[in-house]
Amino acid sequence: MPAPLPTPEELTRRAEARLETSLKRIRPDASPAAIARAVRSEKGLLAAIVRAQATGLYGAHLHLSWNVQQLMPDTAEAEFLIRHASIWGVFRRPATKAVGLALFTGVATTAVPAGLDLRLPGGGLALTSAGGVLNGAGDATIALEAAEGGVLGNTAGGASLPIVTVQAGLDPQAALLDANGMAGGAEEETDESLLARVLAEIREPGHGGAKHDYRLWIQNSFAVAKVATVPLWVGPGSVGVVVAMGTAVAPTPPIPAELDAMAAHLDVLRPVTAEVYVRPVVLLPVPMQLAVVPDTLPVRAAVQGASAAHFAAEAEIGERFARSRLSEAISAASGEYRHYLVLPAGDVVPNRDALPVPGLTTWDPPP
């Protein structure tokens, strides 16, 4: 049963009652009114002692309540949540670095050293992950990594990155990002995300290569939105790991450089008999056609917000997306009285590498 935290006033009243009872035992000849005045007078010494004792006891209650909250990961503060997580083998994901590929040009056979600094448009630095040599045509595509973790390293495709220190044989003194740009940079994992992963690990502990292990391994090091593990990807002994980056509200497919980094990460964690394939998610837009009552702009906006939140929470890679659940989410939108959902006409059943996401919304007039 619940044990509500007593207020200082309640503790004071209890202490006054206990003190009055004790005084009656000591001085049975004293009148109840006299004892009450002695204990409860605001200017009296006994009242001051009672208030001080009640205040101290209230502090003890607060401390005990705080300690109890730290015993459970879902109520613990960050310091203790990290401790809970470490017991279960889950660790806060540090800020991740953006990765990408860039084209260097110049004199054939010119060596491009590893660790070469390039200036990002946002002001940060990127470095060549490994060295390379320009081919006979005078160009080479080399992997890059942001110098610091975080979203600052994410850069649009086609950007020109000036070389910080002049390198003989390169012309121009800059590298050109490919069409995918640099992606994968994310800030340090939030407490909410860490808690969600801890609870998932408690409910589904690791089993040395079970389906959910791959999700944990990926989430420990990469800021992913969704992960799906597909057994028998290309036959016995093979495992497909389908990944969506970005956020659950706005998922995006990972770029090739991100896929390579994830594959290398899983290669040292997977069971030795497993052949792992890391694949980008295929976004499957789900068009919606519906009428709402009342048909007003605020209600339409609320319905779109509710449906987007429902897709973020309920849609999973390769999993059936229930039409009835979507309709239920629309019904819960603020201001909606009733609605008529035409599309999707039934449950959405995506391919094993596809993720249902909100598509174009068409509004019909109410019947």
Protein backbone atom coordinates (compact mmCIF):
# COMPACT_ATOMS: atom_id res chain seq x y z
CA MET A 1 0.00 0.00 0.00
CA PRO A 2 1.22 3.56 -0.59
CA ALA A 3 3.06 5.39 2.16
CA PRO A 4 2.53 9.12 1.58
CA LEU A 5 5.26 11.46 2.75
CA PRO A 6 4.01 13.39 5.82
CA THR A 7 4.19 17.18 5.69
CA PRO A 8 6.04 19.23 8.34
CA GLU A 9 2.65 20.33 9.70
CA GLU A 10 1.50 16.73 10.09
CA LEU A 11 4.73 15.77 11.82
CA THR A 12 4.36 18.75 14.15
CA ARG A 13 0.80 17.77 15.08
CA ARG A 14 1.90 14.19 15.76
CA ALA A 15 4.81 15.32 17.93
CA GLU A 16 2.53 17.67 19.87
CA ALA A 17 0.06 14.86 20.53
CA ARG A 18 2.82 12.50 21.69
CA LEU A 19 4.30 15.16 23.96
CA GLU A 20 0.90 15.97 25.47
CA THR A 21 0.33 12.28 26.21
CA SER A 22 3.74 12.00 27.88
CA LEU A 23 3.14 15.11 30.01
CA LYS A 24 -0.22 13.74 31.18
CA ARG A 25 1.55 10.63 32.46
CA ILE A 26 4.18 12.70 34.26
CA ARG A 27 1.75 15.33 35.62
CA PRO A 28 -1.66 13.69 35.98
CA ASP A 29 -2.77 16.63 38.14
CA ALA A 30 -2.28 19.14 35.28
CA SER A 31 -5.35 20.12 33.31
CA PRO A 32 -5.54 19.22 29.58
CA ALA A 33 -5.86 22.93 28.76
CA ALA A 34 -2.69 23.79 30.65
CA ILE A 35 -0.76 20.99 28.95
CA ALA A 36 -2.06 22.06 25.53
CA ARG A 37 -0.99 25.67 26.17
CA ALA A 38 2.46 24.54 27.27
CA VAL A 39 2.94 22.36 24.17
CA ARG A 40 1.20 24.35 21.45
CA SER A 41 1.92 27.98 22.37
CA GLU A 42 3.78 29.50 19.42
CA LYS A 43 6.12 31.39 21.73
CA GLY A 44 6.69 28.55 24.16
CA LEU A 45 9.92 26.60 24.56
CA LEU A 46 8.23 23.23 24.14
CA ALA A 47 6.59 24.35 20.90
CA ALA A 48 9.96 25.47 19.55
CA ILE A 49 11.48 22.10 20.43
CA VAL A 50 8.57 20.28 18.76
CA ARG A 51 8.90 22.32 15.57
CA ALA A 52 12.65 21.73 15.43
CA GLN A 53 12.17 18.00 15.94
CA ALA A 54 9.45 17.85 13.28
CA THR A 55 11.60 19.75 10.79
CA GLY A 56 14.51 17.38 11.34
CA LEU A 57 12.24 14.37 11.03
CA TYR A 58 10.82 15.75 7.78
CA GLY A 59 14.36 16.00 6.43
CA ALA A 60 14.95 12.37 7.38
CA HIS A 61 11.75 11.37 5.56
CA LEU A 62 12.90 13.25 2.46
CA HIS A 63 16.29 11.56 2.56
CA LEU A 64 14.74 8.11 2.98
CA SER A 65 12.33 8.82 0.13
CA TRP A 66 15.22 9.90 -2.09
CA ASN A 67 17.22 6.79 -1.19
CA VAL A 68 14.28 4.52 -2.02
CA GLN A 69 13.91 6.20 -5.41
CA GLN A 70 17.52 5.32 -6.24
CA LEU A 71 16.78 1.61 -5.72
CA MET A 72 14.80 1.40 -8.97
CA PRO A 73 16.25 2.45 -12.33
CA ASP A 74 13.04 4.12 -13.50
CA THR A 75 13.04 6.54 -10.52
CA ALA A 76 16.80 6.87 -9.99
CA GLU A 77 18.73 10.05 -10.71
CA ALA A 78 21.37 10.06 -13.43
CA GLU A 79 24.30 9.01 -11.23
CA PHE A 80 22.46 5.97 -9.89
CA LEU A 81 20.82 5.18 -13.24
CA ILE A 82 24.31 4.86 -14.73
CA ARG A 83 25.18 2.45 -11.90
CA HIS A 84 22.05 0.36 -12.52
CA ALA A 85 22.85 0.32 -16.24
CA SER A 86 26.42 -0.86 -15.72
CA ILE A 87 25.20 -3.83 -13.65
CA TRP A 88 23.16 -4.94 -16.66
CA GLY A 89 26.00 -4.33 -19.10
CA VAL A 90 24.38 -1.22 -20.57
CA PHE A 91 26.47 1.94 -20.81
CA ARG A 92 25.61 5.51 -21.67
CA ARG A 93 26.46 6.07 -25.32
CA PRO A 94 29.02 8.86 -25.67
CA ALA A 95 28.68 11.53 -28.32
CA THR A 96 29.21 9.79 -31.66
CA LYS A 97 31.30 11.17 -34.49
CA ALA A 98 29.97 11.83 -37.97
CA VAL A 99 31.52 9.77 -40.76
CA GLY A 100 31.56 10.05 -44.53
CA LEU A 101 33.56 9.77 -47.74
CA ALA A 102 35.37 12.56 -49.59
CA LEU A 103 37.12 12.87 -52.95
CA PHE A 104 40.72 14.13 -53.04
CA THR A 105 42.29 15.17 -56.35
CA GLY A 106 45.77 16.18 -57.50
CA VAL A 107 48.92 14.64 -58.90
CA ALA A 108 48.78 10.88 -59.44
CA THR A 109 50.44 8.74 -56.73
CA THR A 110 50.29 11.59 -54.19
CA ALA A 111 49.87 10.15 -50.70
CA VAL A 112 47.07 11.45 -48.48
CA PRO A 113 48.06 10.82 -44.85
CA ALA A 114 45.77 9.48 -42.16
CA GLY A 115 44.70 12.10 -39.65
CA LEU A 116 44.74 14.94 -42.18
CA ASP A 117 42.67 17.85 -40.83
CA LEU A 118 39.89 19.38 -42.91
CA ARG A 119 37.67 22.30 -41.98
CA LEU A 120 33.93 21.62 -41.76
CA PRO A 121 31.40 24.30 -42.80
CA GLY A 122 30.09 24.48 -39.23
CA GLY A 123 33.53 25.32 -37.86
CA GLY A 124 34.61 21.91 -36.60
CA LEU A 125 37.25 19.60 -37.99
CA ALA A 126 37.18 16.30 -39.85
CA LEU A 127 40.09 13.91 -40.19
CA THR A 128 40.95 11.24 -42.71
CA SER A 129 40.31 7.90 -41.01
CA ALA A 130 43.02 6.17 -43.01
CA GLY A 131 45.62 7.16 -45.54
CA GLY A 132 45.28 6.76 -49.28
CA VAL A 133 47.06 7.31 -52.57
CA LEU A 134 45.72 9.15 -55.61
CA ASN A 135 45.22 6.77 -58.52
CA GLY A 136 46.44 7.20 -62.08
CA ALA A 137 43.57 9.57 -62.79
CA GLY A 138 44.67 11.75 -59.89
CA ASP A 139 41.85 11.11 -57.43
CA ALA A 140 41.00 8.97 -54.42
CA THR A 141 37.93 8.53 -52.24
CA ILE A 142 38.94 8.41 -48.58
CA ALA A 143 36.92 7.90 -45.40
CA LEU A 144 36.53 10.85 -43.03
CA GLU A 145 35.55 11.12 -39.38
CA ALA A 146 34.66 14.21 -37.39
CA ALA A 147 37.26 15.22 -34.83
CA GLU A 148 34.61 15.63 -32.12
CA GLY A 149 31.39 13.81 -31.39
CA GLY A 150 28.06 15.55 -31.79
CA VAL A 151 25.72 16.86 -34.45
CA LEU A 152 28.18 19.59 -35.48
CA GLY A 153 29.99 17.07 -37.67
CA ASN A 154 26.91 16.22 -39.76
CA THR A 155 27.46 17.89 -43.13
CA ALA A 156 25.43 17.96 -46.33
CA GLY A 157 26.64 16.08 -49.38
CA GLY A 158 28.74 17.92 -51.96
CA ALA A 159 30.34 20.28 -49.44
CA SER A 160 33.94 21.35 -50.04
CA LEU A 161 36.18 20.85 -47.01
CA PRO A 162 39.37 22.97 -47.04
CA ILE A 163 42.56 21.24 -45.92
CA VAL A 164 43.95 22.94 -42.81
CA THR A 165 47.65 22.30 -43.56
CA VAL A 166 48.82 22.55 -47.17
CA GLN A 167 49.58 19.14 -48.68
CA ALA A 168 51.91 19.05 -51.67
CA GLY A 169 50.46 17.28 -54.70
CA LEU A 170 46.80 17.96 -53.88
CA ASP A 171 44.87 20.35 -56.09
CA PRO A 172 42.65 21.93 -54.95
CA GLN A 173 43.65 22.06 -51.29
CA ALA A 174 40.22 20.75 -50.34
CA ALA A 175 38.20 17.54 -50.42
CA LEU A 176 34.70 17.15 -51.84
CA LEU A 177 32.16 15.17 -49.84
CA ASP A 178 30.17 12.60 -51.77
CA ALA A 179 26.41 12.90 -52.18
CA ASN A 180 25.76 11.25 -48.81
CA GLY A 181 27.78 13.84 -46.89
CA MET A 182 28.82 13.16 -43.31
CA ALA A 183 26.24 11.64 -40.99
CA GLY A 184 25.92 9.75 -37.73
CA GLY A 185 27.06 12.54 -35.42
CA ALA A 186 24.95 12.63 -32.25
CA GLU A 187 25.16 14.15 -28.78
CA GLU A 188 25.71 12.08 -25.64
CA GLU A 189 22.81 9.76 -24.88
CA THR A 190 20.05 11.24 -22.73
CA ASP A 191 18.88 9.78 -19.43
CA GLU A 192 15.54 8.87 -21.03
CA SER A 193 17.21 6.87 -23.80
CA LEU A 194 19.56 5.12 -21.36
CA LEU A 195 16.65 4.20 -19.09
CA ALA A 196 14.69 2.75 -22.01
CA ARG A 197 17.65 0.54 -22.93
CA VAL A 198 18.19 -0.57 -19.33
CA LEU A 199 14.54 -1.59 -19.00
CA ALA A 200 14.73 -3.43 -22.33
CA GLU A 201 17.80 -5.34 -21.13
CA ILE A 202 16.11 -6.24 -17.83
CA ARG A 203 13.08 -7.58 -19.68
CA GLU A 204 15.15 -9.36 -22.34
CA PRO A 205 18.61 -10.19 -20.94
CA GLY A 206 21.43 -10.93 -23.36
CA HIS A 207 21.74 -14.47 -24.65
CA GLY A 208 25.02 -14.45 -26.56
CA GLY A 209 23.64 -13.69 -30.00
CA ALA A 210 19.84 -13.66 -29.59
CA LYS A 211 17.77 -11.31 -31.75
CA HIS A 212 17.68 -8.52 -29.17
CA ASP A 213 21.43 -8.74 -28.54
CA TYR A 214 22.18 -7.16 -31.91
CA ARG A 215 19.89 -4.24 -31.06
CA LEU A 216 21.72 -3.71 -27.75
CA TRP A 217 25.14 -3.94 -29.39
CA ILE A 218 24.19 -1.34 -31.99
CA GLN A 219 22.49 1.02 -29.52
CA ASN A 220 25.47 0.93 -27.16
CA SER A 221 27.62 2.71 -29.75
CA PHE A 222 25.37 4.34 -32.35
CA ALA A 223 22.49 6.82 -32.08
CA VAL A 224 19.94 4.77 -34.00
CA ALA A 225 16.18 5.28 -34.19
CA LYS A 226 15.11 1.70 -34.94
CA VAL A 227 16.87 -1.66 -35.22
CA ALA A 228 15.50 -4.97 -36.46
CA THR A 229 17.26 -8.33 -36.40
CA VAL A 230 16.27 -10.73 -39.18
CA PRO A 231 17.37 -14.38 -38.83
CA LEU A 232 18.26 -16.40 -41.94
CA TRP A 233 18.86 -13.22 -43.95
CA VAL A 234 20.40 -15.08 -46.88
CA GLY A 235 20.25 -18.60 -45.49
CA PRO A 236 21.33 -20.66 -42.46
CA GLY A 237 23.90 -18.96 -40.25
CA SER A 238 23.19 -15.47 -41.59
CA VAL A 239 21.71 -12.56 -39.66
CA GLY A 240 20.39 -9.32 -41.11
CA VAL A 241 20.54 -6.18 -38.98
CA VAL A 242 18.35 -3.45 -40.46
CA VAL A 243 19.01 0.02 -39.08
CA ALA A 244 17.23 3.38 -39.19
CA MET A 245 19.12 6.48 -38.06
CA GLY A 246 17.75 9.88 -37.06
CA THR A 247 14.88 9.80 -34.58
CA ALA A 248 11.75 7.71 -34.20
CA VAL A 249 9.73 10.71 -35.42
CA ALA A 250 12.02 11.38 -38.40
CA PRO A 251 13.93 8.19 -39.27
CA THR A 252 16.49 8.15 -42.08
CA PRO A 253 18.49 5.37 -43.76
CA PRO A 254 22.15 5.24 -42.70
CA ILE A 255 24.77 6.23 -45.24
CA PRO A 256 27.37 3.67 -46.44
CA ALA A 257 30.05 4.98 -44.07
CA GLU A 258 27.71 4.46 -41.12
CA LEU A 259 26.87 0.94 -42.29
CA ASP A 260 30.58 0.11 -42.55
CA ALA A 261 31.20 1.38 -39.01
CA MET A 262 28.29 -0.68 -37.62
CA ALA A 263 29.42 -3.79 -39.46
CA ALA A 264 32.93 -3.44 -38.04
CA HIS A 265 31.47 -2.92 -34.56
CA LEU A 266 29.30 -6.04 -34.76
CA ASP A 267 32.11 -8.12 -36.24
CA VAL A 268 33.91 -8.24 -32.88
CA LEU A 269 30.73 -8.95 -30.88
CA ARG A 270 28.80 -11.46 -32.97
CA PRO A 271 28.96 -15.22 -32.40
CA VAL A 272 31.78 -16.70 -34.47
CA THR A 273 29.34 -18.79 -36.51
CA ALA A 274 27.09 -15.86 -37.48
CA GLU A 275 27.44 -14.09 -40.81
CA VAL A 276 26.09 -10.59 -40.17
CA TYR A 277 24.72 -8.24 -42.83
CA VAL A 278 24.03 -4.63 -41.79
CA ARG A 279 21.48 -3.05 -44.10
CA PRO A 280 19.80 0.38 -44.35
CA VAL A 281 16.12 0.67 -43.63
CA VAL A 282 13.70 1.26 -46.49
CA LEU A 283 11.17 3.92 -45.52
CA LEU A 284 7.61 2.94 -46.47
CA PRO A 285 5.34 6.03 -46.60
CA VAL A 286 1.78 5.17 -45.56
CA PRO A 287 -0.74 7.58 -47.13
CA MET A 288 -3.70 8.56 -44.99
CA GLN A 289 -7.11 9.57 -46.31
CA LEU A 290 -9.70 10.56 -43.74
CA ALA A 291 -12.43 12.95 -42.68
CA VAL A 292 -12.66 14.45 -39.20
CA VAL A 293 -15.44 16.06 -37.21
CA PRO A 294 -15.20 18.91 -36.45
CA ASP A 295 -13.27 19.67 -39.63
CA THR A 296 -11.13 22.59 -38.42
CA LEU A 297 -7.47 23.45 -38.82
CA PRO A 298 -6.66 22.90 -35.11
CA VAL A 299 -8.30 19.46 -35.19
CA ARG A 300 -6.47 18.53 -38.39
CA ALA A 301 -3.17 19.60 -36.83
CA ALA A 302 -3.93 17.60 -33.69
CA VAL A 303 -4.78 14.52 -35.76
CA GLN A 304 -1.56 14.79 -37.77
CA GLY A 305 0.46 15.21 -34.58
CA ALA A 306 -1.24 12.22 -32.96
CA SER A 307 -0.71 10.02 -36.01
CA ALA A 308 2.96 11.05 -36.30
CA ALA A 309 3.51 10.23 -32.62
CA HIS A 310 1.76 6.89 -33.14
CA PHE A 311 4.00 5.99 -36.08
CA ALA A 312 7.07 6.90 -34.00
CA ALA A 313 5.95 4.74 -31.07
CA GLU A 314 4.30 1.78 -32.80
CA ALA A 315 5.88 1.30 -36.24
CA GLU A 316 8.74 -1.19 -36.32
CA ILE A 317 10.96 -2.43 -39.12
CA GLY A 318 9.38 -5.41 -40.85
CA GLU A 319 6.45 -5.57 -38.41
CA ARG A 320 2.72 -5.38 -39.15
CA PHE A 321 1.32 -1.88 -38.56
CA ALA A 322 -2.25 -2.17 -37.30
CA ARG A 323 -4.88 0.10 -38.84
CA SER A 324 -7.09 -0.20 -35.75
CA ARG A 325 -4.33 1.14 -33.52
CA LEU A 326 -3.83 4.11 -35.86
CA SER A 327 -7.56 4.82 -35.75
CA GLU A 328 -7.43 4.66 -31.96
CA ALA A 329 -4.59 7.21 -31.89
CA ILE A 330 -6.57 9.54 -34.15
CA SER A 331 -9.56 9.25 -31.82
CA ALA A 332 -7.39 10.46 -28.95
CA ALA A 333 -6.35 13.64 -30.79
CA SER A 334 -7.36 16.85 -29.04
CA GLY A 335 -10.69 18.20 -30.28
CA GLU A 336 -11.56 15.18 -32.44
CA TYR A 337 -15.14 14.00 -31.98
CA ARG A 338 -15.27 11.34 -34.68
CA HIS A 339 -13.44 10.44 -37.86
CA TYR A 340 -13.73 8.30 -40.98
CA LEU A 341 -10.46 6.60 -41.96
CA VAL A 342 -10.40 5.53 -45.62
CA LEU A 343 -6.66 4.88 -46.03
CA PRO A 344 -4.91 2.80 -45.01
CA ALA A 345 -7.70 0.40 -45.86
CA GLY A 346 -6.16 -2.38 -43.75
CA ASP A 347 -3.09 -3.32 -41.78
CA VAL A 348 0.23 -2.34 -43.37
CA VAL A 349 2.53 -5.35 -43.81
CA PRO A 350 6.02 -4.11 -44.77
CA ASN A 351 8.90 -6.11 -46.19
CA ARG A 352 11.45 -7.34 -43.67
CA ASP A 353 13.67 -4.27 -44.23
CA ALA A 354 10.91 -1.64 -44.47
CA LEU A 355 9.63 0.79 -41.84
CA PRO A 356 6.14 2.33 -42.11
CA VAL A 357 6.29 6.14 -41.83
CA PRO A 358 3.63 8.83 -42.27
CA GLY A 359 2.86 9.54 -45.91
CA LEU A 360 0.70 12.16 -47.63
CA THR A 361 -2.51 13.02 -45.76
CA THR A 362 -5.65 13.65 -47.82
CA TRP A 363 -8.59 15.30 -46.08
CA ASP A 364 -12.10 14.39 -47.17
CA PRO A 365 -15.17 16.45 -46.28
CA PRO A 366 -17.16 14.93 -43.42
CA PRO A 367 -20.09 12.80 -44.66
